[in-house]
Each structure stands twice: as C-alpha cells, then as structure tokens.
C-alpha cells in the first residue's frame, strides 16, 4: 500500500510555533488573580520568628564588638602617631 501525502487542513503562519489552548491560558490567568501575596519577613506567628530575633541580637552584638575593636585600634594608632610627632620635635 502506498502512502499518500495530504496537505494539512490549516496552514500555520509560523512553522514550529506551539499552539496554546485558551482554557489552559484562562486557568493560568485565574490562578494568577487568586494568588495570595506573602510577606518576605518572618511573622510573629511562625516558628522562624524567635530564631530571627535571636539572629538579629547576635548580629548586633557582632557589629558592636567590631566597632569597639575599630575604635580601640584608631585610638592606639592616634597615640602612636602623637608619640612619633613628639619624638621628632625632641630630635630637632
């Protein structure tokens, strides 16, 4: 038996493009309209809230320690610079 080539009923304007059926598109639009917006931060009624508060406290303590270290180092650097200036004045 010989195969018969038939012309398609509807010729597509752009070969290779996919056809999206309308019910699926409408269902997707309906889902988008019904979507609920959620918060990006933890809320007091979730299990992660106490952990986030604890993390914030640790982070604040961490920053305070680094700031204290930077201030102490700056003070030490200024003391050394002032000593060097005094030594230069005495040697002149």
PDB file of N, CA and C in Angstrom:
ATOM      1  N   UNK A   1       0.837  -1.167   0.000  1.00  0.00           N
ATOM      2  CA  UNK A   1       0.000   0.000   0.000  1.00  0.00           C
ATOM      3  C   UNK A   1       0.886   1.235   0.000  1.00  0.00           C
ATOM      4  N   UNK A   2       0.573   2.148  -0.857  1.00  0.00           N
ATOM      5  CA  UNK A   2       1.351   3.376  -0.974  1.00  0.00           C
ATOM      6  C   UNK A   2       0.846   4.416   0.011  1.00  0.00           C
ATOM      7  N   UNK A   3       1.807   5.179   0.565  1.00  0.00           N
ATOM      8  CA  UNK A   3       1.439   6.279   1.439  1.00  0.00           C
ATOM      9  C   UNK A   3       0.965   7.469   0.621  1.00  0.00           C
ATOM     10  N   UNK A   4       0.041   8.186   1.171  1.00  0.00           N
ATOM     11  CA  UNK A   4      -0.500   9.340   0.466  1.00  0.00           C
ATOM     12  C   UNK A   4      -0.143  10.595   1.256  1.00  0.00           C
ATOM     13  N   UNK A   5       0.431  11.547   0.598  1.00  0.00           N
ATOM     14  CA  UNK A   5       0.729  12.834   1.220  1.00  0.00           C
ATOM     15  C   UNK A   5      -0.514  13.703   1.167  1.00  0.00           C
ATOM     16  N   UNK A   6      -0.866  14.237   2.288  1.00  0.00           N
ATOM     17  CA  UNK A   6      -2.017  15.131   2.314  1.00  0.00           C
ATOM     18  C   UNK A   6      -1.569  16.507   2.787  1.00  0.00           C
ATOM     19  N   UNK A   7      -2.190  17.498   2.279  1.00  0.00           N
ATOM     20  CA  UNK A   7      -1.947  18.862   2.725  1.00  0.00           C
ATOM     21  C   UNK A   7      -2.673  19.057   4.059  1.00  0.00           C
ATOM     22  N   UNK A   8      -2.055  19.737   5.000  1.00  0.00           N
ATOM     23  CA  UNK A   8      -2.743  19.992   6.257  1.00  0.00           C
ATOM     24  C   UNK A   8      -3.987  20.851   6.018  1.00  0.00           C
ATOM     25  N   UNK A   9      -4.983  20.666   6.894  1.00  0.00           N
ATOM     26  CA  UNK A   9      -6.219  21.431   6.746  1.00  0.00           C
ATOM     27  C   UNK A   9      -5.970  22.930   6.890  1.00  0.00           C
ATOM     28  N   UNK A  10      -5.258  23.306   7.971  1.00  0.00           N
ATOM     29  CA  UNK A  10      -4.937  24.718   8.179  1.00  0.00           C
ATOM     30  C   UNK A  10      -3.429  24.876   8.091  1.00  0.00           C
ATOM     31  N   UNK A  11      -3.005  25.778   7.294  1.00  0.00           N
ATOM     32  CA  UNK A  11      -1.573  26.041   7.213  1.00  0.00           C
ATOM     33  C   UNK A  11      -1.201  27.031   8.306  1.00  0.00           C
ATOM     34  N   UNK A  12      -0.148  26.727   8.996  1.00  0.00           N
ATOM     35  CA  UNK A  12       0.314  27.612  10.059  1.00  0.00           C
ATOM     36  C   UNK A  12       1.136  28.736   9.441  1.00  0.00           C
ATOM     37  N   UNK A  13       0.992  29.913  10.025  1.00  0.00           N
ATOM     38  CA  UNK A  13       1.730  31.062   9.507  1.00  0.00           C
ATOM     39  C   UNK A  13       3.210  30.969   9.870  1.00  0.00           C
ATOM     40  N   UNK A  14       3.487  30.468  11.090  1.00  0.00           N
ATOM     41  CA  UNK A  14       4.862  30.372  11.544  1.00  0.00           C
ATOM     42  C   UNK A  14       5.170  28.920  11.871  1.00  0.00           C
ATOM     43  N   UNK A  15       5.928  28.231  11.059  1.00  0.00           N
ATOM     44  CA  UNK A  15       6.214  26.822  11.335  1.00  0.00           C
ATOM     45  C   UNK A  15       7.035  26.676  12.620  1.00  0.00           C
ATOM     46  N   UNK A  16       6.677  25.677  13.414  1.00  0.00           N
ATOM     47  CA  UNK A  16       7.428  25.399  14.629  1.00  0.00           C
ATOM     48  C   UNK A  16       6.855  26.044  15.869  1.00  0.00           C
ATOM     49  N   UNK A  17       5.924  26.977  15.736  1.00  0.00           N
ATOM     50  CA  UNK A  17       5.334  27.618  16.912  1.00  0.00           C
ATOM     51  C   UNK A  17       4.315  26.688  17.553  1.00  0.00           C
ATOM     52  N   UNK A  18       4.230  26.755  18.852  1.00  0.00           N
ATOM     53  CA  UNK A  18       3.286  25.919  19.587  1.00  0.00           C
ATOM     54  C   UNK A  18       1.951  26.624  19.717  1.00  0.00           C
ATOM     55  N   UNK A  19       0.916  25.859  19.728  1.00  0.00           N
ATOM     56  CA  UNK A  19      -0.414  26.404  19.905  1.00  0.00           C
ATOM     57  C   UNK A  19      -0.808  26.229  21.373  1.00  0.00           C
ATOM     58  N   UNK A  20      -1.221  27.319  22.004  1.00  0.00           N
ATOM     59  CA  UNK A  20      -1.640  27.266  23.398  1.00  0.00           C
ATOM     60  C   UNK A  20      -3.153  27.317  23.411  1.00  0.00           C
ATOM     61  N   UNK A  21      -3.742  26.320  24.041  1.00  0.00           N
ATOM     62  CA  UNK A  21      -5.211  26.303  24.057  1.00  0.00           C
ATOM     63  C   UNK A  21      -5.734  27.328  25.053  1.00  0.00           C
ATOM     64  N   UNK A  22      -6.839  27.919  24.734  1.00  0.00           N
ATOM     65  CA  UNK A  22      -7.420  29.004  25.526  1.00  0.00           C
ATOM     66  C   UNK A  22      -7.798  28.589  26.949  1.00  0.00           C
ATOM     67  N   UNK A  23      -8.392  27.411  27.174  1.00  0.00           N
ATOM     68  CA  UNK A  23      -8.758  27.062  28.564  1.00  0.00           C
ATOM     69  C   UNK A  23      -7.545  27.032  29.500  1.00  0.00           C
ATOM     70  N   UNK A  24      -6.420  26.530  29.014  1.00  0.00           N
ATOM     71  CA  UNK A  24      -5.225  26.488  29.869  1.00  0.00           C
ATOM     72  C   UNK A  24      -4.745  27.900  30.173  1.00  0.00           C
ATOM     73  N   UNK A  25      -4.790  28.776  29.209  1.00  0.00           N
ATOM     74  CA  UNK A  25      -4.367  30.159  29.404  1.00  0.00           C
ATOM     75  C   UNK A  25      -5.306  30.872  30.375  1.00  0.00           C
ATOM     76  N   UNK A  26      -6.607  30.634  30.236  1.00  0.00           N
ATOM     77  CA  UNK A  26      -7.579  31.246  31.134  1.00  0.00           C
ATOM     78  C   UNK A  26      -7.418  30.717  32.557  1.00  0.00           C
ATOM     79  N   UNK A  27      -7.122  29.418  32.688  1.00  0.00           N
ATOM     80  CA  UNK A  27      -6.918  28.820  34.007  1.00  0.00           C
ATOM     81  C   UNK A  27      -5.692  29.446  34.670  1.00  0.00           C
ATOM     82  N   UNK A  28      -4.623  29.679  33.899  1.00  0.00           N
ATOM     83  CA  UNK A  28      -3.411  30.281  34.437  1.00  0.00           C
ATOM     84  C   UNK A  28      -3.707  31.718  34.889  1.00  0.00           C
ATOM     85  N   UNK A  29      -4.467  32.465  34.098  1.00  0.00           N
ATOM     86  CA  UNK A  29      -4.814  33.832  34.493  1.00  0.00           C
ATOM     87  C   UNK A  29      -5.644  33.841  35.770  1.00  0.00           C
ATOM     88  N   UNK A  30      -6.551  32.894  35.903  1.00  0.00           N
ATOM     89  CA  UNK A  30      -7.377  32.796  37.105  1.00  0.00           C
ATOM     90  C   UNK A  30      -6.511  32.495  38.325  1.00  0.00           C
ATOM     91  N   UNK A  31      -5.536  31.607  38.177  1.00  0.00           N
ATOM     92  CA  UNK A  31      -4.623  31.285  39.278  1.00  0.00           C
ATOM     93  C   UNK A  31      -3.803  32.502  39.675  1.00  0.00           C
ATOM     94  N   UNK A  32      -3.387  33.283  38.701  1.00  0.00           N
ATOM     95  CA  UNK A  32      -2.612  34.493  38.996  1.00  0.00           C
ATOM     96  C   UNK A  32      -3.461  35.497  39.783  1.00  0.00           C
ATOM     97  N   UNK A  33      -4.740  35.610  39.428  1.00  0.00           N
ATOM     98  CA  UNK A  33      -5.628  36.535  40.131  1.00  0.00           C
ATOM     99  C   UNK A  33      -5.904  36.057  41.552  1.00  0.00           C
ATOM    100  N   UNK A  34      -5.950  34.761  41.761  1.00  0.00           N
ATOM    101  CA  UNK A  34      -6.267  34.213  43.081  1.00  0.00           C
ATOM    102  C   UNK A  34      -5.036  34.043  43.975  1.00  0.00           C
ATOM    103  N   UNK A  35      -3.856  34.317  43.456  1.00  0.00           N
ATOM    104  CA  UNK A  35      -2.631  34.131  44.230  1.00  0.00           C
ATOM    105  C   UNK A  35      -2.625  35.071  45.434  1.00  0.00           C
ATOM    106  N   UNK A  36      -2.110  34.570  46.548  1.00  0.00           N
ATOM    107  CA  UNK A  36      -2.055  35.342  47.784  1.00  0.00           C
ATOM    108  C   UNK A  36      -0.640  35.859  47.958  1.00  0.00           C
ATOM    109  N   UNK A  37      -0.528  37.123  48.263  1.00  0.00           N
ATOM    110  CA  UNK A  37       0.784  37.722  48.487  1.00  0.00           C
ATOM    111  C   UNK A  37       1.280  37.327  49.877  1.00  0.00           C
ATOM    112  N   UNK A  38       2.545  36.957  49.975  1.00  0.00           N
ATOM    113  CA  UNK A  38       3.118  36.589  51.271  1.00  0.00           C
ATOM    114  C   UNK A  38       4.202  37.579  51.640  1.00  0.00           C
ATOM    115  N   UNK A  39       4.461  37.667  52.905  1.00  0.00           N
ATOM    116  CA  UNK A  39       5.467  38.582  53.420  1.00  0.00           C
ATOM    117  C   UNK A  39       6.864  38.010  53.189  1.00  0.00           C
ATOM    118  N   UNK A  40       7.833  38.896  53.009  1.00  0.00           N
ATOM    119  CA  UNK A  40       9.224  38.460  52.835  1.00  0.00           C
ATOM    120  C   UNK A  40       9.960  38.385  54.172  1.00  0.00           C
ATOM    121  N   UNK A  41       9.318  38.830  55.228  1.00  0.00           N
ATOM    122  CA  UNK A  41       9.925  38.795  56.555  1.00  0.00           C
ATOM    123  C   UNK A  41       9.161  37.800  57.422  1.00  0.00           C
ATOM    124  N   UNK A  42       9.847  37.286  58.428  1.00  0.00           N
ATOM    125  CA  UNK A  42       9.166  36.335  59.313  1.00  0.00           C
ATOM    126  C   UNK A  42       8.126  37.070  60.154  1.00  0.00           C
ATOM    127  N   UNK A  43       7.045  36.406  60.419  1.00  0.00           N
ATOM    128  CA  UNK A  43       5.929  36.969  61.185  1.00  0.00           C
ATOM    129  C   UNK A  43       5.929  36.379  62.594  1.00  0.00           C
ATOM    130  N   UNK A  44       5.365  37.108  63.572  1.00  0.00           N
ATOM    131  CA  UNK A  44       5.369  36.608  64.954  1.00  0.00           C
ATOM    132  C   UNK A  44       4.673  35.268  65.145  1.00  0.00           C
ATOM    133  N   UNK A  45       3.812  34.873  64.227  1.00  0.00           N
ATOM    134  CA  UNK A  45       3.097  33.615  64.405  1.00  0.00           C
ATOM    135  C   UNK A  45       3.781  32.438  63.708  1.00  0.00           C
ATOM    136  N   UNK A  46       5.041  32.579  63.330  1.00  0.00           N
ATOM    137  CA  UNK A  46       5.756  31.486  62.675  1.00  0.00           C
ATOM    138  C   UNK A  46       6.873  30.975  63.567  1.00  0.00           C
ATOM    139  N   UNK A  47       7.358  29.789  63.256  1.00  0.00           N
ATOM    140  CA  UNK A  47       8.415  29.174  64.051  1.00  0.00           C
ATOM    141  C   UNK A  47       9.763  29.868  63.833  1.00  0.00           C
ATOM    142  N   UNK A  48       9.927  30.520  62.706  1.00  0.00           N
ATOM    143  CA  UNK A  48      11.218  31.142  62.410  1.00  0.00           C
ATOM    144  C   UNK A  48      11.377  32.501  63.089  1.00  0.00           C
ATOM    145  N   UNK A  49      10.295  33.083  63.607  1.00  0.00           N
ATOM    146  CA  UNK A  49      10.368  34.414  64.199  1.00  0.00           C
ATOM    147  C   UNK A  49      11.318  34.475  65.400  1.00  0.00           C
ATOM    148  N   UNK A  50      11.189  33.582  66.392  1.00  0.00           N
ATOM    149  CA  UNK A  50      12.141  33.650  67.524  1.00  0.00           C
ATOM    150  C   UNK A  50      13.594  33.462  67.084  1.00  0.00           C
ATOM    151  N   UNK A  51      13.804  32.590  66.087  1.00  0.00           N
ATOM    152  CA  UNK A  51      15.177  32.395  65.599  1.00  0.00           C
ATOM    153  C   UNK A  51      15.690  33.660  64.919  1.00  0.00           C
ATOM    154  N   UNK A  52      14.818  34.354  64.195  1.00  0.00           N
ATOM    155  CA  UNK A  52      15.262  35.574  63.517  1.00  0.00           C
ATOM    156  C   UNK A  52      15.589  36.666  64.527  1.00  0.00           C
ATOM    157  N   UNK A  53      14.802  36.746  65.590  1.00  0.00           N
ATOM    158  CA  UNK A  53      15.086  37.741  66.637  1.00  0.00           C
ATOM    159  C   UNK A  53      16.425  37.432  67.303  1.00  0.00           C
ATOM    160  N   UNK A  54      16.655  36.153  67.589  1.00  0.00           N
ATOM    161  CA  UNK A  54      17.935  35.756  68.190  1.00  0.00           C
ATOM    162  C   UNK A  54      19.097  36.076  67.256  1.00  0.00           C
ATOM    163  N   UNK A  55      18.902  35.824  65.959  1.00  0.00           N
ATOM    164  CA  UNK A  55      19.953  36.113  64.983  1.00  0.00           C
ATOM    165  C   UNK A  55      20.237  37.608  64.948  1.00  0.00           C
ATOM    166  N   UNK A  56      19.175  38.432  64.983  1.00  0.00           N
ATOM    167  CA  UNK A  56      19.378  39.880  64.975  1.00  0.00           C
ATOM    168  C   UNK A  56      20.163  40.338  66.202  1.00  0.00           C
ATOM    169  N   UNK A  57      19.885  39.733  67.365  1.00  0.00           N
ATOM    170  CA  UNK A  57      20.624  40.094  68.576  1.00  0.00           C
ATOM    171  C   UNK A  57      22.099  39.712  68.457  1.00  0.00           C
ATOM    172  N   UNK A  58      22.355  38.510  67.934  1.00  0.00           N
ATOM    173  CA  UNK A  58      23.754  38.090  67.729  1.00  0.00           C
ATOM    174  C   UNK A  58      24.452  38.998  66.716  1.00  0.00           C
ATOM    175  N   UNK A  59      23.741  39.376  65.675  1.00  0.00           N
ATOM    176  CA  UNK A  59      24.320  40.247  64.647  1.00  0.00           C
ATOM    177  C   UNK A  59      24.643  41.621  65.218  1.00  0.00           C
ATOM    178  N   UNK A  60      23.751  42.163  66.065  1.00  0.00           N
ATOM    179  CA  UNK A  60      24.001  43.457  66.697  1.00  0.00           C
ATOM    180  C   UNK A  60      25.212  43.375  67.627  1.00  0.00           C
ATOM    181  N   UNK A  61      25.321  42.270  68.374  1.00  0.00           N
ATOM    182  CA  UNK A  61      26.466  42.083  69.275  1.00  0.00           C
ATOM    183  C   UNK A  61      27.758  41.968  68.471  1.00  0.00           C
ATOM    184  N   UNK A  62      27.715  41.237  67.360  1.00  0.00           N
ATOM    185  CA  UNK A  62      28.868  41.076  66.478  1.00  0.00           C
ATOM    186  C   UNK A  62      29.339  42.437  65.961  1.00  0.00           C
ATOM    187  N   UNK A  63      28.390  43.248  65.487  1.00  0.00           N
ATOM    188  CA  UNK A  63      28.747  44.579  64.977  1.00  0.00           C
ATOM    189  C   UNK A  63      29.296  45.473  66.081  1.00  0.00           C
ATOM    190  N   UNK A  64      28.718  45.381  67.278  1.00  0.00           N
ATOM    191  CA  UNK A  64      29.197  46.192  68.396  1.00  0.00           C
ATOM    192  C   UNK A  64      30.636  45.816  68.761  1.00  0.00           C
ATOM    193  N   UNK A  65      30.955  44.524  68.730  1.00  0.00           N
ATOM    194  CA  UNK A  65      32.329  44.083  69.033  1.00  0.00           C
ATOM    195  C   UNK A  65      33.307  44.625  67.991  1.00  0.00           C
ATOM    196  N   UNK A  66      32.938  44.530  66.721  1.00  0.00           N
ATOM    197  CA  UNK A  66      33.833  45.034  65.669  1.00  0.00           C
ATOM    198  C   UNK A  66      33.998  46.547  65.777  1.00  0.00           C
ATOM    199  N   UNK A  67      32.920  47.270  66.060  1.00  0.00           N
ATOM    200  CA  UNK A  67      33.024  48.726  66.199  1.00  0.00           C
ATOM    201  C   UNK A  67      33.917  49.098  67.378  1.00  0.00           C
ATOM    202  N   UNK A  68      33.793  48.374  68.492  1.00  0.00           N
ATOM    203  CA  UNK A  68      34.652  48.638  69.657  1.00  0.00           C
ATOM    204  C   UNK A  68      36.117  48.376  69.300  1.00  0.00           C
ATOM    205  N   UNK A  69      36.364  47.284  68.549  1.00  0.00           N
ATOM    206  CA  UNK A  69      37.732  46.976  68.130  1.00  0.00           C
ATOM    207  C   UNK A  69      38.296  48.073  67.231  1.00  0.00           C
ATOM    208  N   UNK A  70      37.480  48.545  66.273  1.00  0.00           N
ATOM    209  CA  UNK A  70      37.939  49.606  65.368  1.00  0.00           C
ATOM    210  C   UNK A  70      38.241  50.888  66.135  1.00  0.00           C
ATOM    211  N   UNK A  71      37.407  51.229  67.098  1.00  0.00           N
ATOM    212  CA  UNK A  71      37.641  52.443  67.881  1.00  0.00           C
ATOM    213  C   UNK A  71      38.902  52.324  68.720  1.00  0.00           C
ATOM    214  N   UNK A  72      39.106  51.146  69.334  1.00  0.00           N
ATOM    215  CA  UNK A  72      40.308  50.945  70.138  1.00  0.00           C
ATOM    216  C   UNK A  72      41.568  51.013  69.268  1.00  0.00           C
ATOM    217  N   UNK A  73      41.496  50.403  68.088  1.00  0.00           N
ATOM    218  CA  UNK A  73      42.647  50.454  67.189  1.00  0.00           C
ATOM    219  C   UNK A  73      42.913  51.878  66.720  1.00  0.00           C
ATOM    220  N   UNK A  74      41.847  52.627  66.429  1.00  0.00           N
ATOM    221  CA  UNK A  74      42.029  54.014  65.994  1.00  0.00           C
ATOM    222  C   UNK A  74      42.685  54.847  67.092  1.00  0.00           C
ATOM    223  N   UNK A  75      42.262  54.606  68.340  1.00  0.00           N
ATOM    224  CA  UNK A  75      42.852  55.329  69.460  1.00  0.00           C
ATOM    225  C   UNK A  75      44.333  54.975  69.600  1.00  0.00           C
ATOM    226  N   UNK A  76      44.672  53.685  69.464  1.00  0.00           N
ATOM    227  CA  UNK A  76      46.072  53.252  69.563  1.00  0.00           C
ATOM    228  C   UNK A  76      46.904  53.851  68.437  1.00  0.00           C
ATOM    229  N   UNK A  77      46.354  53.888  67.232  1.00  0.00           N
ATOM    230  CA  UNK A  77      47.080  54.466  66.093  1.00  0.00           C
ATOM    231  C   UNK A  77      47.333  55.952  66.330  1.00  0.00           C
ATOM    232  N   UNK A  78      46.322  56.660  66.841  1.00  0.00           N
ATOM    233  CA  UNK A  78      46.497  58.085  67.108  1.00  0.00           C
ATOM    234  C   UNK A  78      47.537  58.315  68.197  1.00  0.00           C
ATOM    235  N   UNK A  79      47.577  57.460  69.226  1.00  0.00           N
ATOM    236  CA  UNK A  79      48.582  57.592  70.289  1.00  0.00           C
ATOM    237  C   UNK A  79      49.982  57.378  69.735  1.00  0.00           C
ATOM    238  N   UNK A  80      50.133  56.374  68.864  1.00  0.00           N
ATOM    239  CA  UNK A  80      51.453  56.111  68.270  1.00  0.00           C
ATOM    240  C   UNK A  80      51.874  57.285  67.389  1.00  0.00           C
ATOM    241  N   UNK A  81      50.936  57.827  66.616  1.00  0.00           N
ATOM    242  CA  UNK A  81      51.265  58.975  65.762  1.00  0.00           C
ATOM    243  C   UNK A  81      51.669  60.187  66.596  1.00  0.00           C
ATOM    244  N   UNK A  82      50.951  60.411  67.690  1.00  0.00           N
ATOM    245  CA  UNK A  82      51.300  61.561  68.533  1.00  0.00           C
ATOM    246  C   UNK A  82      52.665  61.361  69.182  1.00  0.00           C
ATOM    247  N   UNK A  83      53.016  60.131  69.587  1.00  0.00           N
ATOM    248  CA  UNK A  83      54.348  59.852  70.149  1.00  0.00           C
ATOM    249  C   UNK A  83      55.435  60.098  69.117  1.00  0.00           C
ATOM    250  N   UNK A  84      55.166  59.661  67.863  1.00  0.00           N
ATOM    251  CA  UNK A  84      56.154  59.879  66.805  1.00  0.00           C
ATOM    252  C   UNK A  84      56.360  61.367  66.546  1.00  0.00           C
ATOM    253  N   UNK A  85      55.304  62.157  66.592  1.00  0.00           N
ATOM    254  CA  UNK A  85      55.429  63.601  66.401  1.00  0.00           C
ATOM    255  C   UNK A  85      56.238  64.219  67.536  1.00  0.00           C
ATOM    256  N   UNK A  86      55.968  63.747  68.774  1.00  0.00           N
ATOM    257  CA  UNK A  86      56.707  64.276  69.922  1.00  0.00           C
ATOM    258  C   UNK A  86      58.185  63.909  69.816  1.00  0.00           C
ATOM    259  N   UNK A  87      58.515  62.690  69.386  1.00  0.00           N
ATOM    260  CA  UNK A  87      59.900  62.256  69.255  1.00  0.00           C
ATOM    261  C   UNK A  87      60.601  63.082  68.192  1.00  0.00           C
ATOM    262  N   UNK A  88      59.921  63.410  67.109  1.00  0.00           N
ATOM    263  CA  UNK A  88      60.521  64.247  66.052  1.00  0.00           C
ATOM    264  C   UNK A  88      60.817  65.639  66.563  1.00  0.00           C
ATOM    265  N   UNK A  89      59.909  66.180  67.380  1.00  0.00           N
ATOM    266  CA  UNK A  89      60.128  67.526  67.913  1.00  0.00           C
ATOM    267  C   UNK A  89      61.319  67.571  68.840  1.00  0.00           C
ATOM    268  N   UNK A  90      61.544  66.528  69.630  1.00  0.00           N
ATOM    269  CA  UNK A  90      62.681  66.492  70.547  1.00  0.00           C
ATOM    270  C   UNK A  90      63.996  66.274  69.816  1.00  0.00           C
ATOM    271  N   UNK A  91      63.966  65.545  68.703  1.00  0.00           N
ATOM    272  CA  UNK A  91      65.210  65.277  67.990  1.00  0.00           C
ATOM    273  C   UNK A  91      65.652  66.438  67.143  1.00  0.00           C
ATOM    274  N   UNK A  92      64.736  67.388  66.828  1.00  0.00           N
ATOM    275  CA  UNK A  92      65.117  68.559  66.016  1.00  0.00           C
ATOM    276  C   UNK A  92      65.909  69.557  66.743  1.00  0.00           C
TER     277      UNK A  92
END
